[in-house]
Amino acid sequence: MTDAALAVTERAVERFTETYLKSLGAEITKEGRQWTVSLPEDAPTDLELDGAVLEIIDEPNDVEEGVFAIAPESPFVERMLDEAADRTPTGSLALTGERVEIQLPPWLTNGPVDVVDQTFTPYYDRRAVCALFHVGIETVSEYQREELHAVAIDLNDHEERPPLADTYLELTDDGQPELDEGRAIDEKELTDALDVAYTTLEDELSSTVRETRERATRAAEVELDEYRQFVRQRRDELSDEIDSLTTRIEDVTETIGTASQQEERVEALRKRKKLRAERDDLRSELDDLTTKIEAGFPDKRQEIRERHALTVRLRPVAATAVSYERGDLDLTLGAGETTISKSYGYALGVGVVEEVACDRCGQQLTAENPLDLDGKQTVGAACCDD
């Protein structure tokens, strides 16, 4: 997982539901895809869940009466996410060598060099906040995107740590032990970190929001153009109908003038009155359409704009204070008959924390320019490997 985002799929909803209910002190009894929940009397929730039955299901409307659906966009899940956003339950987690495996960078694993031996020596702990956000991007008309997105912010420098967010999601995804270890965090530290995480997430989503807004704008323009064509077509139809009624009225008027019997004359007068009323109604409709066309359809424009308006919701639904060890990663590297020892700054859950460059030309090592050995030098396989 590279972008620390989980589409709100059944699995993501299931995992978050379990985590949130346990943060309320709930006991969950699982029988297949059905859960029975027991809550303590003082549980900090407005959800009526004590003794409730929850079911993991694809379609929220397919559950039996009285059963809560664990499914994307189910009313129960939406209420739970809303409440979680208000509460933002916090936990703590300590990343140690027993819990997190050493993650070698792609500039090393993608190259011709073998890691003969590795040793991580921690020197001190760093602290971060991993915040889980419920992200909703939607228009009323045609688009909806729902995600649970994790952002990790280091408390020392308030910098984002994307690999740490990925590690956090992987740990919860793999069903690791409860997030109840490590050091707690005070309210101000948490608030400051969440503010940075919110701004960071806004920046990361800006291109998606911009593209979605542009797509919604184009859809609105198409809808307005279709409406404009419909109104003009209707205006032409009204003009034709008015002309037709005018001709019929003229014919009836002629009948009135030539009628030889009183009964025939009265019937013709009644018919002319009815035709004139119909024509007046059509003329009124035509005048109304003409006014709208000349004004540029302000009411319709507003209606279409509102229907295609973009709504972006970013709500933190959980936060975890994470302590992670930082130190040196000592590696013995081998290529053919050559072996050398190298040491890199490393943090558990984050990886190598320094940029590594080719010893010969200074170009940064990457997945596309992986590390190779030239004698005792470490060089880039793409830049200086002769």
Protein backbone atom coordinates (compact mmCIF):
# COMPACT_ATOMS: atom_id res chain seq x y z
CA MET A 1 0.00 0.00 0.00
CA THR A 2 1.74 3.17 -1.14
CA ASP A 3 -0.70 6.02 -0.70
CA ALA A 4 -1.98 5.23 2.81
CA ALA A 5 -5.56 5.14 1.53
CA LEU A 6 -8.15 2.42 1.74
CA ALA A 7 -11.20 2.63 -0.45
CA VAL A 8 -14.22 2.14 1.77
CA THR A 9 -14.62 -1.49 0.88
CA GLU A 10 -16.23 -4.21 2.95
CA ARG A 11 -12.90 -5.20 4.49
CA ALA A 12 -11.94 -1.64 5.45
CA VAL A 13 -15.36 -1.03 6.98
CA GLU A 14 -15.21 -4.32 8.86
CA ARG A 15 -11.79 -3.51 10.30
CA PHE A 16 -12.71 0.03 11.31
CA THR A 17 -16.01 -1.08 12.86
CA GLU A 18 -14.23 -3.61 15.05
CA THR A 19 -11.55 -1.12 16.08
CA TYR A 20 -14.08 1.59 16.89
CA LEU A 21 -16.39 -0.70 18.87
CA LYS A 22 -13.45 -1.95 20.93
CA SER A 23 -12.46 1.67 21.63
CA LEU A 24 -15.92 1.97 23.24
CA GLY A 25 -15.18 -1.02 25.47
CA ALA A 26 -17.39 -3.38 23.49
CA GLU A 27 -17.18 -7.15 23.57
CA ILE A 28 -17.81 -8.74 20.17
CA THR A 29 -18.94 -12.32 19.67
CA LYS A 30 -18.46 -13.45 16.09
CA GLU A 31 -20.41 -16.19 14.38
CA GLY A 32 -19.42 -16.21 10.74
CA ARG A 33 -20.43 -12.87 9.23
CA GLN A 34 -22.65 -11.92 12.16
CA TRP A 35 -21.41 -10.13 15.26
CA THR A 36 -23.19 -9.73 18.58
CA VAL A 37 -22.09 -6.65 20.52
CA SER A 38 -22.10 -6.09 24.26
CA LEU A 39 -21.42 -2.59 25.55
CA PRO A 40 -20.74 -1.41 29.10
CA GLU A 41 -23.38 0.92 30.54
CA ASP A 42 -21.03 3.90 30.57
CA ALA A 43 -19.84 3.44 26.96
CA PRO A 44 -19.28 6.92 25.39
CA THR A 45 -21.63 6.45 22.46
CA ASP A 46 -25.12 7.40 21.32
CA LEU A 47 -25.34 4.29 19.17
CA GLU A 48 -27.78 1.77 20.62
CA LEU A 49 -25.55 -1.26 20.29
CA ASP A 50 -25.76 -3.23 23.51
CA GLY A 51 -27.03 -6.64 22.44
CA ALA A 52 -27.16 -5.52 18.81
CA VAL A 53 -26.52 -7.89 15.92
CA LEU A 54 -24.26 -6.67 13.12
CA GLU A 55 -23.79 -8.41 9.79
CA ILE A 56 -21.01 -8.08 7.23
CA ILE A 57 -22.83 -7.82 3.92
CA ASP A 58 -22.41 -6.49 0.39
CA GLU A 59 -25.76 -4.67 0.13
CA PRO A 60 -26.90 -2.66 3.18
CA ASN A 61 -30.58 -3.19 2.34
CA ASP A 62 -30.28 -7.00 2.40
CA VAL A 63 -30.09 -7.38 6.18
CA GLU A 64 -33.03 -8.58 8.25
CA GLU A 65 -35.05 -6.12 10.30
CA GLY A 66 -33.23 -5.12 13.47
CA VAL A 67 -29.79 -6.12 12.12
CA PHE A 68 -27.16 -3.45 11.45
CA ALA A 69 -25.28 -3.74 8.15
CA ILE A 70 -21.49 -3.54 8.13
CA ALA A 71 -21.11 -2.32 4.54
CA PRO A 72 -19.88 0.78 2.72
CA GLU A 73 -22.45 3.58 2.84
CA SER A 74 -24.81 1.70 5.15
CA PRO A 75 -26.72 4.02 7.52
CA PHE A 76 -25.12 2.32 10.52
CA VAL A 77 -21.58 2.80 9.20
CA GLU A 78 -22.30 6.43 8.31
CA ARG A 79 -23.59 7.10 11.86
CA MET A 80 -20.56 5.34 13.30
CA LEU A 81 -18.16 7.40 11.19
CA ASP A 82 -19.97 10.60 12.15
CA GLU A 83 -19.69 9.74 15.83
CA ALA A 84 -16.07 8.67 15.45
CA ALA A 85 -15.32 12.00 13.78
CA ASP A 86 -16.80 13.81 16.79
CA ARG A 87 -14.95 11.63 19.32
CA THR A 88 -11.71 10.90 17.40
CA PRO A 89 -10.78 8.03 19.73
CA THR A 90 -7.06 7.79 20.45
CA GLY A 91 -4.79 4.87 21.13
CA SER A 92 -1.08 4.29 21.35
CA LEU A 93 1.33 1.92 19.71
CA ALA A 94 5.00 1.11 20.13
CA LEU A 95 6.85 -0.10 17.05
CA THR A 96 9.69 -2.41 18.00
CA GLY A 97 11.83 -4.92 16.19
CA GLU A 98 9.58 -7.71 17.45
CA ARG A 99 6.54 -6.16 15.77
CA VAL A 100 7.95 -4.59 12.60
CA GLU A 101 10.29 -6.23 10.14
CA ILE A 102 13.21 -4.37 8.62
CA GLN A 103 12.08 -2.85 5.32
CA LEU A 104 14.85 -2.54 2.77
CA PRO A 105 14.49 0.30 0.26
CA PRO A 106 13.86 -0.36 -3.45
CA TRP A 107 17.20 1.24 -4.40
CA LEU A 108 18.74 -1.75 -2.65
CA THR A 109 16.33 -4.61 -3.38
CA ASN A 110 15.96 -3.74 -7.09
CA GLY A 111 19.68 -3.93 -7.81
CA PRO A 112 22.32 -6.62 -8.31
CA VAL A 113 23.62 -6.40 -4.72
CA ASP A 114 22.76 -9.02 -2.09
CA VAL A 115 22.25 -8.22 1.59
CA VAL A 116 24.50 -10.73 3.29
CA ASP A 117 23.74 -9.58 6.83
CA GLN A 118 21.77 -6.83 8.56
CA THR A 119 21.60 -5.47 12.09
CA PHE A 120 19.42 -2.65 13.41
CA THR A 121 20.73 -0.80 16.47
CA PRO A 122 18.14 1.58 18.00
CA TYR A 123 19.42 4.66 19.82
CA TYR A 124 16.27 6.58 20.75
CA ASP A 125 12.53 6.75 20.14
CA ARG A 126 10.72 9.19 17.88
CA ARG A 127 7.03 9.91 18.25
CA ALA A 128 4.32 10.49 15.68
CA VAL A 129 0.56 10.63 15.30
CA CYS A 130 -1.11 8.38 12.76
CA ALA A 131 -4.55 9.80 12.00
CA LEU A 132 -7.22 7.92 10.10
CA PHE A 133 -9.47 10.23 8.07
CA HIS A 134 -12.80 9.48 6.45
CA VAL A 135 -12.56 11.17 3.06
CA GLY A 136 -15.67 11.83 1.00
CA ILE A 137 -15.59 13.54 -2.40
CA GLU A 138 -18.91 13.70 -4.17
CA THR A 139 -21.34 15.58 -6.34
CA VAL A 140 -25.07 15.07 -6.00
CA SER A 141 -25.36 14.21 -9.67
CA GLU A 142 -22.84 11.60 -10.64
CA TYR A 143 -19.66 11.14 -8.60
CA GLN A 144 -18.80 9.68 -5.23
CA ARG A 145 -15.51 8.62 -3.75
CA GLU A 146 -15.20 7.31 -0.20
CA GLU A 147 -11.90 6.43 1.43
CA LEU A 148 -10.29 5.87 4.77
CA HIS A 149 -6.94 7.61 4.52
CA ALA A 150 -4.06 7.47 7.01
CA VAL A 151 -1.61 10.33 7.55
CA ALA A 152 1.43 10.07 9.83
CA ILE A 153 2.92 13.25 11.30
CA ASP A 154 6.20 13.22 13.23
CA LEU A 155 5.83 15.15 16.49
CA ASN A 156 9.42 16.38 16.49
CA ASP A 157 9.34 18.31 13.23
CA HIS A 158 5.66 18.01 12.15
CA GLU A 159 6.76 16.45 8.87
CA GLU A 160 4.70 13.81 7.11
CA ARG A 161 5.97 10.21 7.25
CA PRO A 162 4.12 8.33 4.47
CA PRO A 163 5.91 4.99 5.08
CA LEU A 164 4.86 5.14 8.73
CA ALA A 165 1.22 5.59 7.69
CA ASP A 166 1.55 2.54 5.43
CA THR A 167 3.04 0.52 8.28
CA TYR A 168 0.21 1.60 10.57
CA LEU A 169 -2.39 0.44 8.05
CA GLU A 170 -0.59 -2.83 7.43
CA LEU A 171 -0.47 -3.59 11.15
CA THR A 172 -4.19 -2.99 11.61
CA ASP A 173 -4.92 -4.78 8.33
CA ASP A 174 -3.04 -7.88 9.49
CA GLY A 175 -4.99 -8.06 12.73
CA GLN A 176 -2.08 -7.21 15.01
CA PRO A 177 -2.63 -6.86 18.79
CA GLU A 178 -4.70 -4.04 20.22
CA LEU A 179 -3.22 -0.56 19.80
CA ASP A 180 -2.78 -0.04 23.52
CA GLU A 181 0.96 0.13 23.97
CA GLY A 182 3.43 2.97 23.88
CA ARG A 183 3.29 6.48 25.32
CA ALA A 184 0.14 8.58 25.48
CA ILE A 185 -0.17 12.01 23.89
CA ASP A 186 -1.52 15.20 25.39
CA GLU A 187 -4.42 17.11 23.85
CA LYS A 188 -2.41 20.02 22.44
CA GLU A 189 0.11 17.72 20.75
CA LEU A 190 -2.76 15.75 19.25
CA THR A 191 -4.62 18.86 18.05
CA ASP A 192 -1.50 20.34 16.46
CA ALA A 193 -0.67 17.06 14.74
CA LEU A 194 -4.23 16.65 13.43
CA ASP A 195 -4.16 20.19 12.03
CA VAL A 196 -0.97 19.39 10.12
CA ALA A 197 -2.40 16.05 8.98
CA TYR A 198 -5.57 17.78 7.74
CA THR A 199 -3.59 20.32 5.71
CA THR A 200 -1.31 17.57 4.38
CA LEU A 201 -4.27 15.49 3.26
CA GLU A 202 -5.90 18.51 1.61
CA ASP A 203 -2.72 19.07 -0.42
CA GLU A 204 -2.51 15.40 -1.41
CA LEU A 205 -6.13 15.36 -2.56
CA SER A 206 -6.02 18.71 -4.35
CA SER A 207 -5.41 17.22 -7.80
CA THR A 208 -8.26 14.73 -7.36
CA VAL A 209 -10.56 17.50 -6.13
CA ARG A 210 -9.56 19.74 -9.04
CA GLU A 211 -10.14 17.00 -11.62
CA THR A 212 -13.49 16.09 -10.07
CA ARG A 213 -14.56 19.74 -10.02
CA GLU A 214 -13.59 20.14 -13.67
CA ARG A 215 -15.54 17.01 -14.56
CA ALA A 216 -18.56 18.28 -12.63
CA THR A 217 -18.29 21.65 -14.36
CA ARG A 218 -18.26 20.00 -17.78
CA ALA A 219 -21.28 17.88 -16.83
CA ALA A 220 -23.10 21.01 -15.69
CA GLU A 221 -22.30 22.78 -18.96
CA VAL A 222 -23.62 19.81 -20.95
CA GLU A 223 -26.81 19.72 -18.90
CA LEU A 224 -27.33 23.47 -19.31
CA ASP A 225 -26.73 23.23 -23.05
CA GLU A 226 -29.28 20.39 -23.31
CA TYR A 227 -31.78 22.47 -21.35
CA ARG A 228 -31.09 25.49 -23.56
CA GLN A 229 -31.78 23.40 -26.67
CA PHE A 230 -34.96 22.01 -25.10
CA VAL A 231 -36.26 25.50 -24.27
CA ARG A 232 -35.55 26.82 -27.76
CA GLN A 233 -37.23 23.80 -29.29
CA ARG A 234 -40.21 24.36 -27.02
CA ARG A 235 -40.29 28.05 -28.03
CA ASP A 236 -40.46 27.08 -31.71
CA GLU A 237 -43.21 24.55 -30.95
CA LEU A 238 -45.20 27.21 -29.09
CA SER A 239 -44.86 29.64 -32.01
CA ASP A 240 -46.18 26.99 -34.37
CA GLU A 241 -49.07 26.13 -32.03
CA ILE A 242 -49.97 29.81 -31.63
CA ASP A 243 -49.99 30.29 -35.41
CA SER A 244 -52.20 27.23 -35.76
CA LEU A 245 -54.64 28.52 -33.13
CA THR A 246 -54.71 31.93 -34.77
CA THR A 247 -55.70 30.32 -38.08
CA ARG A 248 -58.44 28.30 -36.35
CA ILE A 249 -59.74 31.41 -34.59
CA GLU A 250 -59.92 33.22 -37.92
CA ASP A 251 -61.89 30.34 -39.41
CA VAL A 252 -64.32 30.31 -36.46
CA THR A 253 -64.73 34.09 -36.70
CA GLU A 254 -65.68 33.67 -40.34
CA THR A 255 -68.23 31.01 -39.34
CA ILE A 256 -69.75 33.39 -36.81
CA GLY A 257 -70.24 36.01 -39.51
CA THR A 258 -71.93 33.62 -41.93
CA ALA A 259 -73.97 31.54 -39.49
CA SER A 260 -77.66 31.36 -40.49
CA GLN A 261 -78.90 29.93 -37.21
CA GLN A 262 -78.61 31.31 -33.67
CA GLU A 263 -77.57 27.94 -32.24
CA GLU A 264 -74.73 27.64 -34.76
CA ARG A 265 -73.57 31.17 -33.99
CA VAL A 266 -73.58 30.58 -30.20
CA GLU A 267 -71.57 27.36 -30.58
CA ALA A 268 -69.03 29.15 -32.78
CA LEU A 269 -68.69 31.98 -30.23
CA ARG A 270 -68.09 29.47 -27.45
CA LYS A 271 -65.45 27.68 -29.54
CA ARG A 272 -63.66 30.94 -30.38
CA LYS A 273 -63.56 31.93 -26.70
CA LYS A 274 -61.98 28.59 -25.84
CA LEU A 275 -59.40 28.85 -28.64
CA ARG A 276 -58.46 32.40 -27.59
CA ALA A 277 -57.96 31.24 -24.00
CA GLU A 278 -55.67 28.43 -25.21
CA ARG A 279 -53.73 30.92 -27.34
CA ASP A 280 -53.39 33.33 -24.42
CA ASP A 281 -51.97 30.52 -22.26
CA LEU A 282 -49.47 29.58 -24.97
CA ARG A 283 -48.47 33.22 -25.48
CA SER A 284 -47.91 33.55 -21.72
CA GLU A 285 -45.71 30.43 -21.77
CA LEU A 286 -43.86 31.76 -24.82
CA ASP A 287 -43.24 35.13 -23.16
CA ASP A 288 -41.92 33.32 -20.06
CA LEU A 289 -39.53 31.19 -22.14
CA THR A 290 -38.38 34.23 -24.12
CA THR A 291 -37.61 36.05 -20.85
CA LYS A 292 -35.61 33.05 -19.58
CA ILE A 293 -33.65 32.80 -22.82
CA GLU A 294 -32.81 36.51 -22.79
CA ALA A 295 -31.77 36.35 -19.10
CA GLY A 296 -29.62 33.25 -19.62
CA PHE A 297 -31.70 30.88 -17.46
CA PRO A 298 -30.54 32.14 -14.01
CA ASP A 299 -32.81 29.83 -11.99
CA LYS A 300 -31.90 26.77 -14.03
CA ARG A 301 -28.23 27.66 -13.88
CA GLN A 302 -28.45 27.81 -10.08
CA GLU A 303 -30.30 24.49 -9.91
CA ILE A 304 -27.74 22.77 -12.13
CA ARG A 305 -24.83 24.36 -10.28
CA GLU A 306 -26.16 23.07 -6.96
CA ARG A 307 -26.72 19.60 -8.38
CA HIS A 308 -23.14 19.41 -9.67
CA ALA A 309 -21.55 21.24 -6.72
CA LEU A 310 -18.56 19.40 -5.26
CA THR A 311 -18.60 18.42 -1.61
CA VAL A 312 -15.34 17.43 0.07
CA ARG A 313 -15.41 16.01 3.60
CA LEU A 314 -12.25 15.27 5.58
CA ARG A 315 -13.00 13.97 9.05
CA PRO A 316 -10.51 12.38 11.46
CA VAL A 317 -12.11 9.25 12.86
CA ALA A 318 -9.22 7.83 14.87
CA ALA A 319 -5.76 8.84 16.01
CA THR A 320 -2.91 6.72 17.31
CA ALA A 321 0.16 7.96 19.10
CA VAL A 322 3.05 5.94 17.70
CA SER A 323 6.53 5.65 19.16
CA TYR A 324 9.09 4.18 16.82
CA GLU A 325 12.73 3.33 17.29
CA ARG A 326 15.38 5.19 15.36
CA GLY A 327 19.01 4.24 15.00
CA ASP A 328 21.45 2.69 12.53
CA LEU A 329 20.93 -0.11 10.05
CA ASP A 330 24.26 -1.90 9.54
CA LEU A 331 24.38 -3.90 6.32
CA THR A 332 26.87 -6.29 4.83
CA LEU A 333 26.49 -6.02 1.07
CA GLY A 334 27.81 -8.47 -1.48
CA ALA A 335 28.16 -8.56 -5.25
CA GLY A 336 30.14 -11.43 -6.72
CA GLU A 337 33.28 -11.81 -4.61
CA THR A 338 33.09 -8.28 -3.25
CA THR A 339 31.57 -7.52 0.17
CA ILE A 340 31.46 -4.22 2.01
CA SER A 341 29.82 -2.89 5.18
CA LYS A 342 27.55 0.18 5.15
CA SER A 343 25.52 1.94 7.82
CA TYR A 344 22.40 4.02 7.21
CA GLY A 345 20.11 6.02 9.45
CA TYR A 346 16.96 3.98 9.91
CA ALA A 347 13.62 4.15 11.73
CA LEU A 348 11.24 1.26 12.31
CA GLY A 349 8.08 1.62 10.27
CA VAL A 350 9.69 4.39 8.21
CA GLY A 351 12.74 2.82 6.60
CA VAL A 352 16.04 4.44 5.64
CA VAL A 353 15.68 8.10 6.67
CA GLU A 354 18.42 9.58 4.52
CA GLU A 355 18.86 10.07 0.82
CA VAL A 356 21.61 7.81 -0.51
CA ALA A 357 23.72 8.89 -3.48
CA CYS A 358 26.20 7.34 -5.87
CA ASP A 359 29.72 7.64 -4.42
CA ARG A 360 31.12 8.52 -7.83
CA CYS A 361 28.75 11.10 -9.37
CA GLY A 362 26.45 12.04 -6.51
CA GLN A 363 23.24 11.07 -8.28
CA GLN A 364 20.52 9.85 -5.94
CA LEU A 365 19.92 6.11 -5.76
CA THR A 366 16.35 5.09 -6.59
CA ALA A 367 14.39 2.03 -7.67
CA GLU A 368 15.36 2.92 -11.24
CA ASN A 369 18.97 3.65 -10.30
CA PRO A 370 19.66 0.94 -7.69
CA LEU A 371 22.82 0.40 -5.73
CA ASP A 372 25.74 -1.56 -7.18
CA LEU A 373 29.31 -2.15 -6.01
CA ASP A 374 32.49 -1.03 -7.70
CA GLY A 375 35.29 -2.15 -5.45
CA LYS A 376 34.63 -0.46 -2.13
CA GLN A 377 32.43 2.20 -3.69
CA THR A 378 28.64 2.10 -3.85
CA VAL A 379 27.51 3.39 -7.22
CA GLY A 380 24.26 3.68 -9.15
CA ALA A 381 23.57 0.81 -11.52
CA ALA A 382 22.07 3.24 -14.03
CA CYS A 383 24.41 6.21 -13.64
CA CYS A 384 27.93 4.87 -12.99
CA ASP A 385 27.94 1.09 -13.36
CA ASP A 386 30.54 0.39 -16.01
